N, C-alpha and C. Protein backbone atom coordinates (compact mmCIF):
# COMPACT_ATOMS: atom_id res chain seq x y z
N UNK A 1 -117.93 -55.84 12.68
CA UNK A 1 -118.53 -54.57 12.99
C UNK A 1 -117.64 -53.79 13.94
N UNK A 2 -117.70 -54.04 15.23
CA UNK A 2 -116.95 -53.29 16.23
C UNK A 2 -115.47 -53.62 16.12
N UNK A 3 -114.79 -52.90 15.26
CA UNK A 3 -113.36 -53.09 15.03
C UNK A 3 -113.05 -54.54 14.72
N UNK A 4 -113.82 -55.16 13.88
CA UNK A 4 -113.77 -56.59 13.64
C UNK A 4 -112.39 -57.11 13.34
N UNK A 5 -111.64 -56.45 12.53
CA UNK A 5 -110.32 -56.97 12.21
C UNK A 5 -109.37 -55.84 11.87
N UNK A 6 -108.92 -55.10 12.87
CA UNK A 6 -107.95 -54.05 12.61
C UNK A 6 -106.61 -54.70 12.30
N UNK A 7 -106.22 -54.68 11.06
CA UNK A 7 -104.95 -55.27 10.67
C UNK A 7 -103.88 -54.20 10.84
N UNK A 8 -103.06 -54.36 11.87
CA UNK A 8 -102.14 -53.31 12.24
C UNK A 8 -100.69 -53.74 12.22
N UNK A 9 -99.86 -52.85 11.73
CA UNK A 9 -98.42 -52.97 11.93
C UNK A 9 -98.12 -52.21 13.22
N UNK A 10 -96.84 -52.09 13.60
CA UNK A 10 -96.52 -51.31 14.80
C UNK A 10 -96.98 -49.87 14.65
N UNK A 11 -96.84 -49.30 13.47
CA UNK A 11 -97.34 -47.96 13.24
C UNK A 11 -97.46 -47.71 11.75
N UNK A 12 -98.61 -47.26 11.32
CA UNK A 12 -98.83 -46.83 9.96
C UNK A 12 -99.31 -45.40 10.05
N UNK A 13 -98.51 -44.46 9.54
CA UNK A 13 -98.84 -43.06 9.69
C UNK A 13 -98.73 -42.35 8.35
N UNK A 14 -99.30 -41.17 8.28
CA UNK A 14 -99.17 -40.34 7.10
C UNK A 14 -98.40 -39.09 7.48
N UNK A 15 -97.53 -38.58 6.59
CA UNK A 15 -96.73 -37.41 6.93
C UNK A 15 -97.57 -36.14 6.98
N UNK A 16 -97.06 -35.12 7.70
CA UNK A 16 -97.70 -33.83 7.66
C UNK A 16 -98.60 -33.50 8.83
N UNK A 17 -98.31 -33.98 10.00
CA UNK A 17 -99.15 -33.66 11.15
C UNK A 17 -98.35 -33.69 12.42
N UNK A 18 -99.05 -33.74 13.54
CA UNK A 18 -98.42 -33.76 14.86
C UNK A 18 -98.74 -35.09 15.54
N UNK A 19 -98.06 -35.34 16.63
CA UNK A 19 -98.26 -36.61 17.33
C UNK A 19 -99.52 -36.61 18.18
N UNK A 20 -100.11 -37.79 18.29
CA UNK A 20 -101.19 -38.05 19.23
C UNK A 20 -100.69 -39.16 20.14
N UNK A 21 -100.60 -38.88 21.42
CA UNK A 21 -100.23 -39.89 22.40
C UNK A 21 -101.52 -40.42 23.00
N UNK A 22 -101.73 -41.72 22.87
CA UNK A 22 -102.94 -42.36 23.35
C UNK A 22 -102.59 -43.14 24.61
N UNK A 23 -103.13 -42.74 25.73
CA UNK A 23 -102.95 -43.44 26.99
C UNK A 23 -104.18 -44.31 27.21
N UNK A 24 -103.99 -45.61 27.13
CA UNK A 24 -105.08 -46.55 27.28
C UNK A 24 -105.02 -47.11 28.70
N UNK A 25 -106.08 -46.85 29.48
CA UNK A 25 -106.11 -47.28 30.87
C UNK A 25 -106.95 -48.55 31.00
N UNK A 26 -106.89 -49.13 32.18
CA UNK A 26 -107.63 -50.35 32.52
C UNK A 26 -107.21 -51.53 31.65
N UNK A 27 -105.92 -51.56 31.26
CA UNK A 27 -105.38 -52.72 30.54
C UNK A 27 -105.19 -53.80 31.59
N UNK A 28 -105.93 -54.91 31.46
CA UNK A 28 -106.00 -55.87 32.57
C UNK A 28 -104.79 -56.77 32.70
N UNK A 29 -103.97 -56.93 31.67
CA UNK A 29 -102.80 -57.80 31.77
C UNK A 29 -101.77 -57.43 30.72
N UNK A 30 -100.64 -58.14 30.73
CA UNK A 30 -99.56 -57.89 29.77
C UNK A 30 -99.59 -58.87 28.60
N UNK A 31 -100.72 -59.52 28.39
CA UNK A 31 -100.83 -60.46 27.28
C UNK A 31 -101.10 -59.72 25.98
N UNK A 32 -100.25 -59.90 24.99
CA UNK A 32 -100.49 -59.33 23.67
C UNK A 32 -100.13 -57.87 23.56
N UNK A 33 -100.90 -57.16 22.72
CA UNK A 33 -100.64 -55.77 22.40
C UNK A 33 -101.92 -54.95 22.51
N UNK A 34 -101.76 -53.67 22.73
CA UNK A 34 -102.87 -52.73 22.63
C UNK A 34 -102.80 -52.14 21.23
N UNK A 35 -103.87 -52.31 20.47
CA UNK A 35 -103.95 -51.83 19.10
C UNK A 35 -104.87 -50.62 19.04
N UNK A 36 -104.43 -49.59 18.33
CA UNK A 36 -105.17 -48.33 18.21
C UNK A 36 -105.35 -48.02 16.73
N UNK A 37 -106.53 -47.56 16.36
CA UNK A 37 -106.79 -47.05 15.02
C UNK A 37 -107.37 -45.65 15.16
N UNK A 38 -106.85 -44.71 14.37
CA UNK A 38 -107.43 -43.38 14.29
C UNK A 38 -108.26 -43.32 13.01
N UNK A 39 -109.50 -42.89 13.16
CA UNK A 39 -110.46 -42.97 12.05
C UNK A 39 -111.09 -41.62 11.76
N UNK A 40 -111.33 -41.38 10.50
CA UNK A 40 -112.19 -40.27 10.09
C UNK A 40 -113.63 -40.78 10.21
N UNK A 41 -114.59 -39.88 10.11
CA UNK A 41 -115.99 -40.25 10.31
C UNK A 41 -116.43 -41.39 9.39
N UNK A 42 -116.03 -41.37 8.14
CA UNK A 42 -116.46 -42.39 7.17
C UNK A 42 -115.92 -43.79 7.51
N UNK A 43 -114.80 -43.86 8.25
CA UNK A 43 -114.21 -45.16 8.57
C UNK A 43 -114.46 -45.61 10.00
N UNK A 44 -115.07 -44.77 10.80
CA UNK A 44 -115.27 -45.10 12.21
C UNK A 44 -116.03 -46.42 12.35
N UNK A 45 -115.52 -47.30 13.22
CA UNK A 45 -116.07 -48.63 13.49
C UNK A 45 -115.88 -49.60 12.33
N UNK A 46 -115.01 -49.26 11.41
CA UNK A 46 -114.73 -50.14 10.27
C UNK A 46 -113.27 -50.55 10.29
N UNK A 47 -112.91 -51.43 9.37
CA UNK A 47 -111.55 -51.94 9.28
C UNK A 47 -110.64 -51.05 8.44
N UNK A 48 -111.14 -49.94 7.96
CA UNK A 48 -110.41 -49.14 6.98
C UNK A 48 -109.84 -47.84 7.54
N UNK A 49 -109.65 -47.75 8.83
CA UNK A 49 -109.09 -46.54 9.43
C UNK A 49 -107.68 -46.31 8.89
N UNK A 50 -107.35 -45.07 8.52
CA UNK A 50 -106.09 -44.82 7.83
C UNK A 50 -104.84 -44.81 8.69
N UNK A 51 -104.99 -44.65 10.00
CA UNK A 51 -103.80 -44.57 10.87
C UNK A 51 -103.93 -45.62 11.97
N UNK A 52 -102.91 -46.45 12.08
CA UNK A 52 -102.92 -47.56 13.03
C UNK A 52 -101.58 -47.64 13.75
N UNK A 53 -101.63 -48.06 15.00
CA UNK A 53 -100.40 -48.25 15.78
C UNK A 53 -100.68 -49.23 16.90
N UNK A 54 -99.61 -49.75 17.50
CA UNK A 54 -99.77 -50.66 18.63
C UNK A 54 -98.55 -50.57 19.53
N UNK A 55 -98.72 -51.12 20.73
CA UNK A 55 -97.63 -51.20 21.70
C UNK A 55 -97.85 -52.45 22.54
N UNK A 56 -96.77 -53.03 23.08
CA UNK A 56 -96.94 -54.17 23.98
C UNK A 56 -97.81 -53.78 25.16
N UNK A 57 -98.73 -54.66 25.52
CA UNK A 57 -99.64 -54.39 26.64
C UNK A 57 -98.87 -54.30 27.95
N UNK A 58 -99.23 -53.32 28.76
CA UNK A 58 -98.71 -53.14 30.10
C UNK A 58 -99.90 -53.05 31.04
N UNK A 59 -99.94 -53.85 32.09
CA UNK A 59 -101.08 -53.76 33.01
C UNK A 59 -101.26 -52.34 33.55
N UNK A 60 -102.50 -51.91 33.59
CA UNK A 60 -102.80 -50.55 34.05
C UNK A 60 -102.92 -49.62 32.88
N UNK A 61 -101.81 -48.96 32.52
CA UNK A 61 -101.80 -47.99 31.41
C UNK A 61 -100.79 -48.42 30.36
N UNK A 62 -101.23 -48.45 29.11
CA UNK A 62 -100.34 -48.67 27.97
C UNK A 62 -100.41 -47.43 27.10
N UNK A 63 -99.24 -46.91 26.74
CA UNK A 63 -99.17 -45.70 25.94
C UNK A 63 -98.76 -46.04 24.51
N UNK A 64 -99.52 -45.50 23.56
CA UNK A 64 -99.23 -45.67 22.14
C UNK A 64 -99.06 -44.28 21.55
N UNK A 65 -97.90 -44.01 20.93
CA UNK A 65 -97.65 -42.72 20.32
C UNK A 65 -97.77 -42.87 18.80
N UNK A 66 -98.58 -41.99 18.22
CA UNK A 66 -98.80 -42.01 16.78
C UNK A 66 -98.31 -40.67 16.24
N UNK A 67 -97.31 -40.70 15.38
CA UNK A 67 -96.73 -39.48 14.82
C UNK A 67 -97.45 -39.07 13.53
N UNK A 68 -97.29 -37.81 13.19
CA UNK A 68 -97.75 -37.27 11.90
C UNK A 68 -99.25 -37.42 11.66
N UNK A 69 -100.05 -37.15 12.67
CA UNK A 69 -101.50 -37.20 12.50
C UNK A 69 -101.94 -35.85 11.92
N UNK A 70 -102.54 -35.85 10.73
CA UNK A 70 -102.97 -34.59 10.12
C UNK A 70 -104.06 -33.91 10.95
N UNK A 71 -104.12 -32.58 10.90
CA UNK A 71 -105.19 -31.87 11.61
C UNK A 71 -106.57 -32.28 11.11
N UNK A 72 -107.55 -32.16 11.99
CA UNK A 72 -108.92 -32.46 11.62
C UNK A 72 -109.62 -33.27 12.69
N UNK A 73 -110.81 -33.75 12.35
CA UNK A 73 -111.59 -34.55 13.28
C UNK A 73 -111.23 -36.02 13.15
N UNK A 74 -111.00 -36.66 14.29
CA UNK A 74 -110.63 -38.07 14.37
C UNK A 74 -111.39 -38.72 15.52
N UNK A 75 -111.47 -40.02 15.48
CA UNK A 75 -111.90 -40.81 16.64
C UNK A 75 -110.90 -41.95 16.78
N UNK A 76 -110.57 -42.29 18.01
CA UNK A 76 -109.67 -43.41 18.26
C UNK A 76 -110.50 -44.60 18.72
N UNK A 77 -110.15 -45.76 18.21
CA UNK A 77 -110.74 -47.01 18.69
C UNK A 77 -109.59 -47.95 18.98
N UNK A 78 -109.70 -48.67 20.08
CA UNK A 78 -108.60 -49.53 20.47
C UNK A 78 -109.09 -50.77 21.19
N UNK A 79 -108.19 -51.75 21.28
CA UNK A 79 -108.51 -52.96 22.01
C UNK A 79 -107.25 -53.65 22.47
N UNK A 80 -107.40 -54.50 23.48
CA UNK A 80 -106.32 -55.34 23.99
C UNK A 80 -106.37 -56.66 23.24
N UNK A 81 -105.42 -56.86 22.35
CA UNK A 81 -105.35 -58.08 21.53
C UNK A 81 -104.58 -59.14 22.33
N UNK A 82 -105.28 -59.78 23.25
CA UNK A 82 -104.62 -60.70 24.19
C UNK A 82 -104.02 -61.93 23.52
N UNK A 83 -104.54 -62.33 22.37
CA UNK A 83 -104.01 -63.52 21.70
C UNK A 83 -103.25 -63.18 20.42
N UNK A 84 -102.95 -61.91 20.20
CA UNK A 84 -102.15 -61.45 19.07
C UNK A 84 -102.67 -61.89 17.70
N UNK A 85 -103.98 -61.94 17.54
CA UNK A 85 -104.51 -62.32 16.22
C UNK A 85 -104.98 -61.10 15.42
N UNK A 86 -104.73 -59.91 15.94
CA UNK A 86 -105.01 -58.64 15.27
C UNK A 86 -106.48 -58.43 14.93
N UNK A 87 -107.35 -59.00 15.75
CA UNK A 87 -108.78 -58.75 15.59
C UNK A 87 -109.45 -58.85 16.94
N UNK A 88 -110.59 -58.20 17.07
CA UNK A 88 -111.36 -58.28 18.30
C UNK A 88 -112.15 -59.59 18.26
N UNK A 89 -111.81 -60.50 19.14
CA UNK A 89 -112.56 -61.76 19.21
C UNK A 89 -113.93 -61.46 19.80
N UNK A 90 -114.94 -62.15 19.29
CA UNK A 90 -116.31 -61.84 19.69
C UNK A 90 -117.06 -63.07 20.15
N UNK A 91 -118.04 -62.80 21.03
CA UNK A 91 -118.98 -63.81 21.50
C UNK A 91 -120.23 -63.71 20.62
N UNK A 92 -121.26 -64.37 21.07
CA UNK A 92 -122.55 -64.31 20.41
C UNK A 92 -123.02 -62.86 20.28
N UNK A 93 -123.65 -62.53 19.19
CA UNK A 93 -124.17 -61.18 18.92
C UNK A 93 -123.08 -60.13 18.79
N UNK A 94 -121.84 -60.54 18.55
CA UNK A 94 -120.76 -59.59 18.32
C UNK A 94 -120.21 -58.92 19.56
N UNK A 95 -120.54 -59.44 20.73
CA UNK A 95 -120.03 -58.85 21.97
C UNK A 95 -118.54 -59.18 22.09
N UNK A 96 -117.69 -58.15 22.31
CA UNK A 96 -116.24 -58.39 22.36
C UNK A 96 -115.82 -59.27 23.53
N UNK A 97 -114.89 -60.18 23.26
CA UNK A 97 -114.28 -61.00 24.32
C UNK A 97 -113.08 -60.28 24.93
N UNK A 98 -112.50 -59.35 24.18
CA UNK A 98 -111.32 -58.62 24.63
C UNK A 98 -111.73 -57.18 24.98
N UNK A 99 -110.91 -56.52 25.77
CA UNK A 99 -111.22 -55.16 26.16
C UNK A 99 -111.20 -54.21 24.98
N UNK A 100 -112.19 -53.33 24.90
CA UNK A 100 -112.29 -52.35 23.83
C UNK A 100 -112.53 -50.97 24.44
N UNK A 101 -112.14 -49.94 23.69
CA UNK A 101 -112.37 -48.58 24.16
C UNK A 101 -112.30 -47.59 23.02
N UNK A 102 -112.77 -46.38 23.30
CA UNK A 102 -112.87 -45.34 22.30
C UNK A 102 -112.48 -44.00 22.89
N UNK A 103 -111.99 -43.09 22.04
CA UNK A 103 -111.63 -41.76 22.48
C UNK A 103 -112.82 -41.10 23.19
N UNK A 104 -112.46 -40.19 24.08
CA UNK A 104 -113.43 -39.49 24.94
C UNK A 104 -114.23 -40.46 25.80
N UNK A 105 -113.71 -41.68 25.96
CA UNK A 105 -114.38 -42.72 26.74
C UNK A 105 -115.82 -42.91 26.30
N UNK A 106 -116.03 -42.85 24.98
CA UNK A 106 -117.37 -43.03 24.41
C UNK A 106 -117.94 -44.36 24.90
N UNK A 107 -119.14 -44.32 25.40
CA UNK A 107 -119.79 -45.49 26.00
C UNK A 107 -120.31 -46.47 24.96
N UNK A 108 -120.30 -47.72 25.36
CA UNK A 108 -120.86 -48.80 24.56
C UNK A 108 -122.16 -49.21 25.25
N UNK A 109 -123.28 -48.75 24.71
CA UNK A 109 -124.58 -49.00 25.33
C UNK A 109 -125.50 -49.58 24.26
N UNK A 110 -125.86 -50.82 24.39
CA UNK A 110 -126.74 -51.47 23.42
C UNK A 110 -126.22 -51.34 21.99
N UNK A 111 -124.90 -51.39 21.83
CA UNK A 111 -124.27 -51.27 20.53
C UNK A 111 -123.06 -50.36 20.61
N UNK A 112 -122.35 -50.22 19.50
CA UNK A 112 -121.14 -49.40 19.51
C UNK A 112 -121.45 -47.92 19.71
N UNK A 113 -120.44 -47.14 20.10
CA UNK A 113 -120.66 -45.72 20.33
C UNK A 113 -120.90 -44.96 19.02
N UNK A 114 -121.42 -43.78 19.16
CA UNK A 114 -121.64 -42.91 18.02
C UNK A 114 -120.39 -42.05 17.78
N UNK A 115 -120.19 -41.67 16.52
CA UNK A 115 -119.07 -40.81 16.14
C UNK A 115 -119.02 -39.57 17.03
N UNK A 116 -120.15 -38.92 17.23
CA UNK A 116 -120.20 -37.68 18.00
C UNK A 116 -119.70 -37.85 19.42
N UNK A 117 -119.81 -39.06 19.96
CA UNK A 117 -119.35 -39.31 21.33
C UNK A 117 -117.85 -39.59 21.40
N UNK A 118 -117.23 -39.93 20.28
CA UNK A 118 -115.82 -40.32 20.28
C UNK A 118 -114.91 -39.31 19.58
N UNK A 119 -115.46 -38.38 18.82
CA UNK A 119 -114.65 -37.49 17.99
C UNK A 119 -113.81 -36.54 18.84
N UNK A 120 -112.58 -36.30 18.38
CA UNK A 120 -111.72 -35.27 18.96
C UNK A 120 -111.09 -34.50 17.81
N UNK A 121 -110.62 -33.30 18.08
CA UNK A 121 -110.02 -32.47 17.05
C UNK A 121 -108.51 -32.47 17.24
N UNK A 122 -107.80 -32.85 16.20
CA UNK A 122 -106.34 -32.78 16.18
C UNK A 122 -105.95 -31.46 15.55
N UNK A 123 -105.23 -30.64 16.30
CA UNK A 123 -104.75 -29.37 15.78
C UNK A 123 -103.38 -29.54 15.16
N UNK A 124 -102.62 -28.45 15.13
CA UNK A 124 -101.30 -28.50 14.51
C UNK A 124 -100.21 -28.93 15.48
N UNK A 125 -100.53 -29.02 16.77
CA UNK A 125 -99.55 -29.43 17.76
C UNK A 125 -99.85 -30.78 18.35
N UNK A 126 -98.89 -31.36 19.06
CA UNK A 126 -99.11 -32.68 19.67
C UNK A 126 -100.16 -32.61 20.77
N UNK A 127 -100.82 -33.73 21.00
CA UNK A 127 -101.79 -33.81 22.09
C UNK A 127 -101.82 -35.21 22.68
N UNK A 128 -102.39 -35.29 23.87
CA UNK A 128 -102.54 -36.55 24.58
C UNK A 128 -104.03 -36.80 24.76
N UNK A 129 -104.47 -38.01 24.41
CA UNK A 129 -105.84 -38.42 24.71
C UNK A 129 -105.76 -39.66 25.59
N UNK A 130 -106.83 -39.90 26.31
CA UNK A 130 -106.83 -41.00 27.28
C UNK A 130 -108.22 -41.63 27.29
N UNK A 131 -108.25 -42.96 27.29
CA UNK A 131 -109.53 -43.66 27.46
C UNK A 131 -109.29 -45.01 28.10
N UNK A 132 -110.35 -45.55 28.69
CA UNK A 132 -110.28 -46.83 29.40
C UNK A 132 -110.84 -47.95 28.53
N UNK A 133 -110.23 -49.12 28.67
CA UNK A 133 -110.80 -50.31 28.04
C UNK A 133 -111.94 -50.82 28.90
N UNK A 134 -112.93 -51.39 28.24
CA UNK A 134 -114.07 -52.01 28.92
C UNK A 134 -114.12 -53.48 28.52
N UNK A 135 -114.45 -54.32 29.47
CA UNK A 135 -114.48 -55.76 29.25
C UNK A 135 -115.90 -56.28 29.47
N UNK A 136 -116.32 -57.18 28.63
CA UNK A 136 -117.64 -57.78 28.73
C UNK A 136 -117.56 -59.25 29.13
N UNK A 137 -116.32 -59.73 29.31
CA UNK A 137 -116.09 -61.13 29.67
C UNK A 137 -114.83 -61.21 30.52
N UNK A 138 -114.88 -62.00 31.58
CA UNK A 138 -113.71 -62.19 32.43
C UNK A 138 -113.42 -60.99 33.31
N UNK A 139 -112.26 -60.99 33.97
CA UNK A 139 -111.91 -59.90 34.87
C UNK A 139 -111.91 -58.56 34.13
N UNK A 140 -112.44 -57.54 34.77
CA UNK A 140 -112.61 -56.25 34.12
C UNK A 140 -111.61 -55.18 34.49
N UNK A 141 -110.53 -55.56 35.21
CA UNK A 141 -109.53 -54.57 35.59
C UNK A 141 -108.22 -55.30 35.87
N UNK A 142 -107.10 -54.56 35.95
CA UNK A 142 -105.84 -55.21 36.30
C UNK A 142 -105.89 -55.89 37.67
N UNK A 143 -106.58 -55.25 38.63
CA UNK A 143 -106.68 -55.82 39.98
C UNK A 143 -107.50 -57.12 39.97
N UNK A 144 -108.61 -57.12 39.24
CA UNK A 144 -109.42 -58.33 39.15
C UNK A 144 -108.68 -59.43 38.41
N UNK A 145 -107.88 -59.07 37.41
CA UNK A 145 -107.10 -60.08 36.67
C UNK A 145 -106.07 -60.71 37.61
N UNK A 146 -105.36 -59.89 38.38
CA UNK A 146 -104.34 -60.40 39.31
C UNK A 146 -104.96 -61.31 40.35
N UNK A 147 -106.14 -60.96 40.83
CA UNK A 147 -106.82 -61.78 41.83
C UNK A 147 -107.26 -63.13 41.25
N UNK A 148 -107.71 -63.12 39.99
CA UNK A 148 -108.16 -64.35 39.33
C UNK A 148 -107.02 -65.21 38.82
N UNK A 149 -105.83 -64.61 38.68
CA UNK A 149 -104.67 -65.32 38.16
C UNK A 149 -103.46 -65.12 39.08
N UNK A 150 -103.53 -65.65 40.32
CA UNK A 150 -102.40 -65.44 41.25
C UNK A 150 -101.14 -66.13 40.73
N UNK A 151 -100.02 -65.55 41.10
CA UNK A 151 -98.72 -66.10 40.65
C UNK A 151 -98.25 -67.19 41.56
């Protein structure tokens, strides 16, 4: 359900648009990759989003640039794939074990966010969007991760 298995290459894009730079904040560690999917309304929260990209995780903020995003309404969904298995690992009742987030910082309250809370409009020029990852298990921030895992 909640981004159950986003199968992503480094970047899968379609020609004919502008770039979307996704700044993902609250990345708690450098384990794995941050995976992003851009979805139309019909694919939101599914595995079939047409545009996917990823970048190596960087504690704090990880930036993923996606080129050639066609104009229109999109929602971004992303997660920190700490074990590099290209899916959101889940606990009982589908609660994510890894950090997840959505464009416009759409909230996860008693279930996944609604399209209306995550949608953004891509015009003909490049844009930057930003959202934070949320964690339901383990340390919930880079600072909490560092404290729980001293070097």
